[in-house]
């Protein structure tokens, strides 16, 4: 359980570094319209985003727990950890500039449909905390390979609370980079930014591989346990039969 929580924070932290490379990111777009950073708005935005992630994690954890009693779902949970690892590696390739963003068109459509663009206009010219909070809440719903990786891990949780914790920690893991982004964008050169992102991408690939190996290990242990329980039951039946 602890390793799942550490993994969630690490995915959030290394993955969120892509915001440093995306000048068009929501936070950057909001902050660049101002002469100096407005911290209350920035913190309100982060709170909204993390709240959405936590709720999604709770839903995923509830779903995973209710289906957990079904035999086939254990097999499916193993596939989910492989999917999470795969999504992280795919996202890392986009982060390092080796692949285009697979969700860019979908993100643009959802931004328009959800009213995110409207709230962005409202927040950019005013000190309205509610507008910044709503942007955060809606931003948590935007398609992102990294969020999907976190949710795939939440589905393998043993309780709704654990699922919520995975996504809460994932969200908190993204905060340091997200708060540093506006300041960094004013100082860091494009070439330095590129190198920085490639390092983050490699670390995320390592995390993706680790997630897949972790899933394989748990699956192997579960199979071994089931096998030994089956063998014990068979020998017990044989013993009872002889008596």
C-alpha atoms as a PDB file:
ATOM      1  CA  UNK A   1       0.000   0.000   0.000  1.00  0.00           C
ATOM      2  CA  UNK A   2       2.790   2.448   0.942  1.00  0.00           C
ATOM      3  CA  UNK A   3       4.619   1.742  -2.319  1.00  0.00           C
ATOM      4  CA  UNK A   4       1.403   2.556  -4.222  1.00  0.00           C
ATOM      5  CA  UNK A   5       1.212   5.945  -2.445  1.00  0.00           C
ATOM      6  CA  UNK A   6       4.902   6.722  -3.117  1.00  0.00           C
ATOM      7  CA  UNK A   7       4.378   5.744  -6.749  1.00  0.00           C
ATOM      8  CA  UNK A   8       1.364   8.102  -6.991  1.00  0.00           C
ATOM      9  CA  UNK A   9       3.390  11.087  -5.676  1.00  0.00           C
ATOM     10  CA  UNK A  10       6.328  10.268  -7.980  1.00  0.00           C
ATOM     11  CA  UNK A  11       4.091   9.990 -11.085  1.00  0.00           C
ATOM     12  CA  UNK A  12       2.500  13.353 -10.240  1.00  0.00           C
ATOM     13  CA  UNK A  13       5.822  15.054  -9.596  1.00  0.00           C
ATOM     14  CA  UNK A  14       7.802  13.855 -12.619  1.00  0.00           C
ATOM     15  CA  UNK A  15       4.832  14.077 -14.972  1.00  0.00           C
ATOM     16  CA  UNK A  16       3.915  17.629 -13.950  1.00  0.00           C
ATOM     17  CA  UNK A  17       7.300  18.871 -15.134  1.00  0.00           C
ATOM     18  CA  UNK A  18       5.796  18.936 -18.646  1.00  0.00           C
ATOM     19  CA  UNK A  19       4.016  22.141 -17.575  1.00  0.00           C
ATOM     20  CA  UNK A  20       7.411  23.837 -17.513  1.00  0.00           C
ATOM     21  CA  UNK A  21       7.742  23.071 -21.220  1.00  0.00           C
ATOM     22  CA  UNK A  22       4.207  24.054 -22.170  1.00  0.00           C
ATOM     23  CA  UNK A  23       4.037  27.832 -22.371  1.00  0.00           C
ATOM     24  CA  UNK A  24       0.399  27.514 -23.394  1.00  0.00           C
ATOM     25  CA  UNK A  25      -0.434  25.658 -20.182  1.00  0.00           C
ATOM     26  CA  UNK A  26      -3.445  26.954 -18.228  1.00  0.00           C
ATOM     27  CA  UNK A  27      -1.444  28.260 -15.283  1.00  0.00           C
ATOM     28  CA  UNK A  28       1.070  29.994 -17.513  1.00  0.00           C
ATOM     29  CA  UNK A  29      -1.675  31.515 -19.663  1.00  0.00           C
ATOM     30  CA  UNK A  30      -3.412  32.917 -16.594  1.00  0.00           C
ATOM     31  CA  UNK A  31      -0.233  34.176 -14.950  1.00  0.00           C
ATOM     32  CA  UNK A  32       1.334  35.704 -18.061  1.00  0.00           C
ATOM     33  CA  UNK A  33      -1.551  38.199 -18.337  1.00  0.00           C
ATOM     34  CA  UNK A  34      -0.504  39.715 -15.003  1.00  0.00           C
ATOM     35  CA  UNK A  35       2.502  41.869 -14.132  1.00  0.00           C
ATOM     36  CA  UNK A  36       3.159  39.678 -11.079  1.00  0.00           C
ATOM     37  CA  UNK A  37       1.924  36.325  -9.771  1.00  0.00           C
ATOM     38  CA  UNK A  38      -1.377  36.257  -7.901  1.00  0.00           C
ATOM     39  CA  UNK A  39      -0.798  33.512  -5.333  1.00  0.00           C
ATOM     40  CA  UNK A  40      -4.343  33.275  -3.862  1.00  0.00           C
ATOM     41  CA  UNK A  41      -5.695  32.521  -7.360  1.00  0.00           C
ATOM     42  CA  UNK A  42      -2.909  30.066  -8.102  1.00  0.00           C
ATOM     43  CA  UNK A  43      -3.544  28.162  -4.841  1.00  0.00           C
ATOM     44  CA  UNK A  44      -7.303  28.216  -5.451  1.00  0.00           C
ATOM     45  CA  UNK A  45      -6.737  26.732  -8.922  1.00  0.00           C
ATOM     46  CA  UNK A  46      -4.507  23.957  -7.480  1.00  0.00           C
ATOM     47  CA  UNK A  47      -7.097  23.127  -4.784  1.00  0.00           C
ATOM     48  CA  UNK A  48      -9.840  22.740  -7.400  1.00  0.00           C
ATOM     49  CA  UNK A  49      -7.691  20.489  -9.566  1.00  0.00           C
ATOM     50  CA  UNK A  50      -6.655  18.227  -6.655  1.00  0.00           C
ATOM     51  CA  UNK A  51     -10.258  18.029  -5.402  1.00  0.00           C
ATOM     52  CA  UNK A  52     -11.403  16.741  -8.833  1.00  0.00           C
ATOM     53  CA  UNK A  53      -8.572  14.159  -8.898  1.00  0.00           C
ATOM     54  CA  UNK A  54      -9.480  12.959  -5.377  1.00  0.00           C
ATOM     55  CA  UNK A  55     -13.169  12.510  -6.272  1.00  0.00           C
ATOM     56  CA  UNK A  56     -12.223  10.611  -9.450  1.00  0.00           C
ATOM     57  CA  UNK A  57      -9.864   8.435  -7.369  1.00  0.00           C
ATOM     58  CA  UNK A  58     -12.677   7.715  -4.874  1.00  0.00           C
ATOM     59  CA  UNK A  59     -15.001   6.668  -7.727  1.00  0.00           C
ATOM     60  CA  UNK A  60     -12.278   4.471  -9.290  1.00  0.00           C
ATOM     61  CA  UNK A  61     -11.465   2.938  -5.881  1.00  0.00           C
ATOM     62  CA  UNK A  62     -15.186   2.232  -5.232  1.00  0.00           C
ATOM     63  CA  UNK A  63     -15.529   0.597  -8.626  1.00  0.00           C
ATOM     64  CA  UNK A  64     -12.371  -1.482  -8.130  1.00  0.00           C
ATOM     65  CA  UNK A  65     -13.487  -2.595  -4.641  1.00  0.00           C
ATOM     66  CA  UNK A  66     -17.024  -3.557  -5.707  1.00  0.00           C
ATOM     67  CA  UNK A  67     -15.663  -5.598  -8.623  1.00  0.00           C
ATOM     68  CA  UNK A  68     -12.761  -6.979  -6.576  1.00  0.00           C
ATOM     69  CA  UNK A  69     -14.690 -10.087  -5.484  1.00  0.00           C
ATOM     70  CA  UNK A  70     -15.070 -11.224  -9.083  1.00  0.00           C
ATOM     71  CA  UNK A  71     -12.354 -13.652 -10.122  1.00  0.00           C
ATOM     72  CA  UNK A  72     -11.825 -12.161 -13.583  1.00  0.00           C
ATOM     73  CA  UNK A  73     -11.338  -8.663 -12.147  1.00  0.00           C
ATOM     74  CA  UNK A  74      -8.117  -9.712 -10.390  1.00  0.00           C
ATOM     75  CA  UNK A  75      -6.739 -10.548 -13.831  1.00  0.00           C
ATOM     76  CA  UNK A  76      -8.070  -7.227 -15.127  1.00  0.00           C
ATOM     77  CA  UNK A  77      -6.384  -5.315 -12.265  1.00  0.00           C
ATOM     78  CA  UNK A  78      -3.057  -6.771 -13.345  1.00  0.00           C
ATOM     79  CA  UNK A  79      -3.717  -5.518 -16.892  1.00  0.00           C
ATOM     80  CA  UNK A  80      -4.574  -2.090 -15.425  1.00  0.00           C
ATOM     81  CA  UNK A  81      -1.119  -1.778 -13.834  1.00  0.00           C
ATOM     82  CA  UNK A  82       0.413  -2.656 -17.215  1.00  0.00           C
ATOM     83  CA  UNK A  83      -1.831  -0.029 -18.824  1.00  0.00           C
ATOM     84  CA  UNK A  84      -0.788   2.560 -16.201  1.00  0.00           C
ATOM     85  CA  UNK A  85       2.893   1.848 -16.887  1.00  0.00           C
ATOM     86  CA  UNK A  86       2.305   1.969 -20.656  1.00  0.00           C
ATOM     87  CA  UNK A  87       0.488   5.315 -20.413  1.00  0.00           C
ATOM     88  CA  UNK A  88       3.354   6.740 -18.355  1.00  0.00           C
ATOM     89  CA  UNK A  89       5.906   5.655 -20.977  1.00  0.00           C
ATOM     90  CA  UNK A  90       3.721   7.074 -23.781  1.00  0.00           C
ATOM     91  CA  UNK A  91       3.329  10.356 -21.868  1.00  0.00           C
ATOM     92  CA  UNK A  92       7.108  10.433 -21.239  1.00  0.00           C
ATOM     93  CA  UNK A  93       7.756  10.136 -24.997  1.00  0.00           C
ATOM     94  CA  UNK A  94       5.497  13.164 -25.544  1.00  0.00           C
ATOM     95  CA  UNK A  95       7.215  14.971 -22.664  1.00  0.00           C
ATOM     96  CA  UNK A  96      10.663  14.377 -24.172  1.00  0.00           C
ATOM     97  CA  UNK A  97       9.460  15.652 -27.559  1.00  0.00           C
ATOM     98  CA  UNK A  98       9.728  12.234 -29.225  1.00  0.00           C
ATOM     99  CA  UNK A  99       5.958  11.907 -29.860  1.00  0.00           C
ATOM    100  CA  UNK A 100       3.111  14.419 -30.431  1.00  0.00           C
ATOM    101  CA  UNK A 101       0.503  14.927 -27.676  1.00  0.00           C
ATOM    102  CA  UNK A 102      -2.174  12.288 -28.400  1.00  0.00           C
ATOM    103  CA  UNK A 103      -4.847  14.255 -26.502  1.00  0.00           C
ATOM    104  CA  UNK A 104      -4.296  17.819 -27.828  1.00  0.00           C
ATOM    105  CA  UNK A 105      -7.370  17.919 -30.140  1.00  0.00           C
ATOM    106  CA  UNK A 106      -9.628  16.261 -27.576  1.00  0.00           C
ATOM    107  CA  UNK A 107      -8.417  18.693 -24.861  1.00  0.00           C
ATOM    108  CA  UNK A 108      -9.278  21.689 -27.068  1.00  0.00           C
ATOM    109  CA  UNK A 109     -12.797  20.307 -27.717  1.00  0.00           C
ATOM    110  CA  UNK A 110     -13.452  19.580 -24.030  1.00  0.00           C
ATOM    111  CA  UNK A 111     -12.114  23.037 -23.019  1.00  0.00           C
ATOM    112  CA  UNK A 112     -14.737  24.644 -25.257  1.00  0.00           C
ATOM    113  CA  UNK A 113     -17.588  22.268 -24.344  1.00  0.00           C
ATOM    114  CA  UNK A 114     -17.038  22.432 -20.560  1.00  0.00           C
ATOM    115  CA  UNK A 115     -16.960  26.232 -20.448  1.00  0.00           C
ATOM    116  CA  UNK A 116     -13.308  26.253 -19.402  1.00  0.00           C
ATOM    117  CA  UNK A 117     -12.467  28.909 -22.007  1.00  0.00           C
ATOM    118  CA  UNK A 118     -15.232  31.152 -20.580  1.00  0.00           C
ATOM    119  CA  UNK A 119     -13.866  30.904 -17.019  1.00  0.00           C
ATOM    120  CA  UNK A 120     -10.334  31.492 -18.294  1.00  0.00           C
ATOM    121  CA  UNK A 121     -11.445  34.867 -19.715  1.00  0.00           C
ATOM    122  CA  UNK A 122     -13.201  35.706 -16.432  1.00  0.00           C
ATOM    123  CA  UNK A 123     -10.157  34.849 -14.309  1.00  0.00           C
ATOM    124  CA  UNK A 124      -7.510  36.504 -16.457  1.00  0.00           C
ATOM    125  CA  UNK A 125      -8.787  40.022 -15.882  1.00  0.00           C
ATOM    126  CA  UNK A 126     -10.054  39.795 -12.298  1.00  0.00           C
ATOM    127  CA  UNK A 127      -9.166  38.728  -8.778  1.00  0.00           C
ATOM    128  CA  UNK A 128     -12.077  36.292  -8.517  1.00  0.00           C
ATOM    129  CA  UNK A 129     -11.112  33.247  -6.466  1.00  0.00           C
ATOM    130  CA  UNK A 130     -14.249  31.361  -7.546  1.00  0.00           C
ATOM    131  CA  UNK A 131     -13.255  31.655 -11.223  1.00  0.00           C
ATOM    132  CA  UNK A 132      -9.767  30.259 -10.487  1.00  0.00           C
ATOM    133  CA  UNK A 133     -11.288  27.449  -8.381  1.00  0.00           C
ATOM    134  CA  UNK A 134     -13.732  26.474 -11.176  1.00  0.00           C
ATOM    135  CA  UNK A 135     -10.868  26.453 -13.711  1.00  0.00           C
ATOM    136  CA  UNK A 136      -9.037  24.024 -11.390  1.00  0.00           C
ATOM    137  CA  UNK A 137     -12.115  21.799 -10.968  1.00  0.00           C
ATOM    138  CA  UNK A 138     -12.692  21.652 -14.749  1.00  0.00           C
ATOM    139  CA  UNK A 139      -8.992  21.246 -15.517  1.00  0.00           C
ATOM    140  CA  UNK A 140      -9.013  18.042 -13.444  1.00  0.00           C
ATOM    141  CA  UNK A 141     -11.399  16.563 -16.029  1.00  0.00           C
ATOM    142  CA  UNK A 142      -9.247  17.334 -19.090  1.00  0.00           C
ATOM    143  CA  UNK A 143      -7.868  14.260 -20.893  1.00  0.00           C
ATOM    144  CA  UNK A 144      -4.305  13.507 -19.830  1.00  0.00           C
ATOM    145  CA  UNK A 145      -2.350  10.266 -20.131  1.00  0.00           C
ATOM    146  CA  UNK A 146      -0.848  10.834 -16.707  1.00  0.00           C
ATOM    147  CA  UNK A 147      -4.230  11.236 -14.974  1.00  0.00           C
ATOM    148  CA  UNK A 148      -5.409   8.047 -16.712  1.00  0.00           C
ATOM    149  CA  UNK A 149      -2.318   6.255 -15.389  1.00  0.00           C
ATOM    150  CA  UNK A 150      -3.182   7.445 -11.864  1.00  0.00           C
ATOM    151  CA  UNK A 151      -6.810   6.338 -12.237  1.00  0.00           C
ATOM    152  CA  UNK A 152      -5.737   2.924 -13.542  1.00  0.00           C
ATOM    153  CA  UNK A 153      -3.737   2.532 -10.303  1.00  0.00           C
ATOM    154  CA  UNK A 154      -6.772   3.731  -8.261  1.00  0.00           C
ATOM    155  CA  UNK A 155      -8.835   0.923  -9.804  1.00  0.00           C
ATOM    156  CA  UNK A 156      -6.398  -1.568  -8.261  1.00  0.00           C
ATOM    157  CA  UNK A 157      -6.937  -0.040  -4.780  1.00  0.00           C
ATOM    158  CA  UNK A 158      -8.395  -2.167  -1.973  1.00  0.00           C
ATOM    159  CA  UNK A 159     -10.885   0.500  -0.809  1.00  0.00           C
ATOM    160  CA  UNK A 160     -12.554   3.717  -2.045  1.00  0.00           C
ATOM    161  CA  UNK A 161     -10.460   5.631   0.525  1.00  0.00           C
ATOM    162  CA  UNK A 162      -7.242   4.131  -0.841  1.00  0.00           C
ATOM    163  CA  UNK A 163      -8.315   5.029  -4.405  1.00  0.00           C
ATOM    164  CA  UNK A 164      -8.993   8.619  -3.290  1.00  0.00           C
ATOM    165  CA  UNK A 165      -5.624   8.745  -1.483  1.00  0.00           C
ATOM    166  CA  UNK A 166      -3.775   7.588  -4.634  1.00  0.00           C
ATOM    167  CA  UNK A 167      -5.240  10.481  -6.652  1.00  0.00           C
ATOM    168  CA  UNK A 168      -4.901  13.000  -3.796  1.00  0.00           C
ATOM    169  CA  UNK A 169      -1.193  12.178  -3.543  1.00  0.00           C
ATOM    170  CA  UNK A 170      -0.868  12.216  -7.330  1.00  0.00           C
ATOM    171  CA  UNK A 171      -2.378  15.736  -7.283  1.00  0.00           C
ATOM    172  CA  UNK A 172      -0.108  16.892  -4.447  1.00  0.00           C
ATOM    173  CA  UNK A 173       2.878  15.500  -6.364  1.00  0.00           C
ATOM    174  CA  UNK A 174       2.078  17.890  -9.220  1.00  0.00           C
ATOM    175  CA  UNK A 175       1.917  20.994  -6.994  1.00  0.00           C
ATOM    176  CA  UNK A 176       5.658  21.865  -6.626  1.00  0.00           C
ATOM    177  CA  UNK A 177       6.195  22.005 -10.411  1.00  0.00           C
ATOM    178  CA  UNK A 178       2.860  23.748 -11.006  1.00  0.00           C
ATOM    179  CA  UNK A 179       3.691  26.499  -8.493  1.00  0.00           C
ATOM    180  CA  UNK A 180       7.208  26.895  -9.873  1.00  0.00           C
ATOM    181  CA  UNK A 181       6.122  27.014 -13.538  1.00  0.00           C
ATOM    182  CA  UNK A 182       5.109  30.692 -13.815  1.00  0.00           C
ATOM    183  CA  UNK A 183       8.368  31.857 -12.202  1.00  0.00           C
ATOM    184  CA  UNK A 184      10.503  29.412 -14.210  1.00  0.00           C
ATOM    185  CA  UNK A 185       8.926  30.431 -17.509  1.00  0.00           C
ATOM    186  CA  UNK A 186      10.090  34.001 -16.925  1.00  0.00           C
ATOM    187  CA  UNK A 187      13.710  32.924 -16.417  1.00  0.00           C
ATOM    188  CA  UNK A 188      14.509  29.580 -18.113  1.00  0.00           C
ATOM    189  CA  UNK A 189      15.791  29.534 -21.730  1.00  0.00           C
ATOM    190  CA  UNK A 190      14.098  27.276 -24.346  1.00  0.00           C
ATOM    191  CA  UNK A 191      17.221  25.076 -24.751  1.00  0.00           C
ATOM    192  CA  UNK A 192      17.503  24.561 -20.978  1.00  0.00           C
ATOM    193  CA  UNK A 193      13.794  23.781 -20.884  1.00  0.00           C
ATOM    194  CA  UNK A 194      14.270  21.090 -23.565  1.00  0.00           C
ATOM    195  CA  UNK A 195      17.098  19.380 -21.647  1.00  0.00           C
ATOM    196  CA  UNK A 196      15.119  19.606 -18.402  1.00  0.00           C
ATOM    197  CA  UNK A 197      12.125  17.897 -20.033  1.00  0.00           C
ATOM    198  CA  UNK A 198      14.223  15.089 -21.537  1.00  0.00           C
ATOM    199  CA  UNK A 199      15.602  14.250 -18.046  1.00  0.00           C
ATOM    200  CA  UNK A 200      12.051  14.282 -16.610  1.00  0.00           C
ATOM    201  CA  UNK A 201      10.882  12.051 -19.511  1.00  0.00           C
ATOM    202  CA  UNK A 202      13.607   9.464 -18.828  1.00  0.00           C
ATOM    203  CA  UNK A 203      12.714   9.393 -15.108  1.00  0.00           C
ATOM    204  CA  UNK A 204       9.054   8.894 -16.029  1.00  0.00           C
ATOM    205  CA  UNK A 205       9.945   5.994 -18.376  1.00  0.00           C
ATOM    206  CA  UNK A 206      11.804   4.339 -15.457  1.00  0.00           C
ATOM    207  CA  UNK A 207       8.693   4.848 -13.277  1.00  0.00           C
ATOM    208  CA  UNK A 208       6.497   3.341 -16.018  1.00  0.00           C
ATOM    209  CA  UNK A 209       8.711   0.244 -16.224  1.00  0.00           C
ATOM    210  CA  UNK A 210       8.711   0.003 -12.409  1.00  0.00           C
ATOM    211  CA  UNK A 211       4.876   0.183 -12.366  1.00  0.00           C
ATOM    212  CA  UNK A 212       4.651  -2.669 -14.887  1.00  0.00           C
ATOM    213  CA  UNK A 213       7.150  -4.811 -12.943  1.00  0.00           C
ATOM    214  CA  UNK A 214       5.292  -4.080  -9.698  1.00  0.00           C
ATOM    215  CA  UNK A 215       2.019  -5.226 -11.330  1.00  0.00           C
ATOM    216  CA  UNK A 216       3.685  -8.393 -12.613  1.00  0.00           C
ATOM    217  CA  UNK A 217       5.135  -9.173  -9.192  1.00  0.00           C
ATOM    218  CA  UNK A 218       1.765  -8.742  -7.427  1.00  0.00           C
ATOM    219  CA  UNK A 219       0.056 -10.846 -10.108  1.00  0.00           C
ATOM    220  CA  UNK A 220       2.676 -13.585  -9.690  1.00  0.00           C
ATOM    221  CA  UNK A 221       2.290 -13.558  -5.880  1.00  0.00           C
ATOM    222  CA  UNK A 222      -1.506 -13.717  -6.205  1.00  0.00           C
ATOM    223  CA  UNK A 223      -1.278 -16.642  -8.644  1.00  0.00           C
ATOM    224  CA  UNK A 224       1.135 -18.471  -6.301  1.00  0.00           C
ATOM    225  CA  UNK A 225      -1.203 -17.937  -3.327  1.00  0.00           C
ATOM    226  CA  UNK A 226      -4.204 -19.216  -5.299  1.00  0.00           C
ATOM    227  CA  UNK A 227      -2.201 -22.208  -6.509  1.00  0.00           C
ATOM    228  CA  UNK A 228      -1.000 -23.174  -3.016  1.00  0.00           C
ATOM    229  CA  UNK A 229      -4.532 -22.731  -1.600  1.00  0.00           C
ATOM    230  CA  UNK A 230      -5.880 -24.987  -4.361  1.00  0.00           C
ATOM    231  CA  UNK A 231      -3.217 -27.618  -3.649  1.00  0.00           C
ATOM    232  CA  UNK A 232      -3.981 -27.503   0.107  1.00  0.00           C
ATOM    233  CA  UNK A 233      -7.697 -27.954  -0.535  1.00  0.00           C
ATOM    234  CA  UNK A 234      -7.042 -30.888  -2.871  1.00  0.00           C
ATOM    235  CA  UNK A 235      -4.820 -32.645  -0.324  1.00  0.00           C
ATOM    236  CA  UNK A 236      -7.414 -31.960   2.401  1.00  0.00           C
ATOM    237  CA  UNK A 237     -10.150 -33.503   0.194  1.00  0.00           C
ATOM    238  CA  UNK A 238      -7.938 -36.530  -0.532  1.00  0.00           C
ATOM    239  CA  UNK A 239      -7.255 -36.924   3.180  1.00  0.00           C
ATOM    240  CA  UNK A 240     -10.979 -36.755   4.038  1.00  0.00           C
ATOM    241  CA  UNK A 241     -11.743 -39.252   1.237  1.00  0.00           C
ATOM    242  CA  UNK A 242      -9.241 -41.817   2.623  1.00  0.00           C
ATOM    243  CA  UNK A 243     -10.865 -41.567   6.061  1.00  0.00           C
END
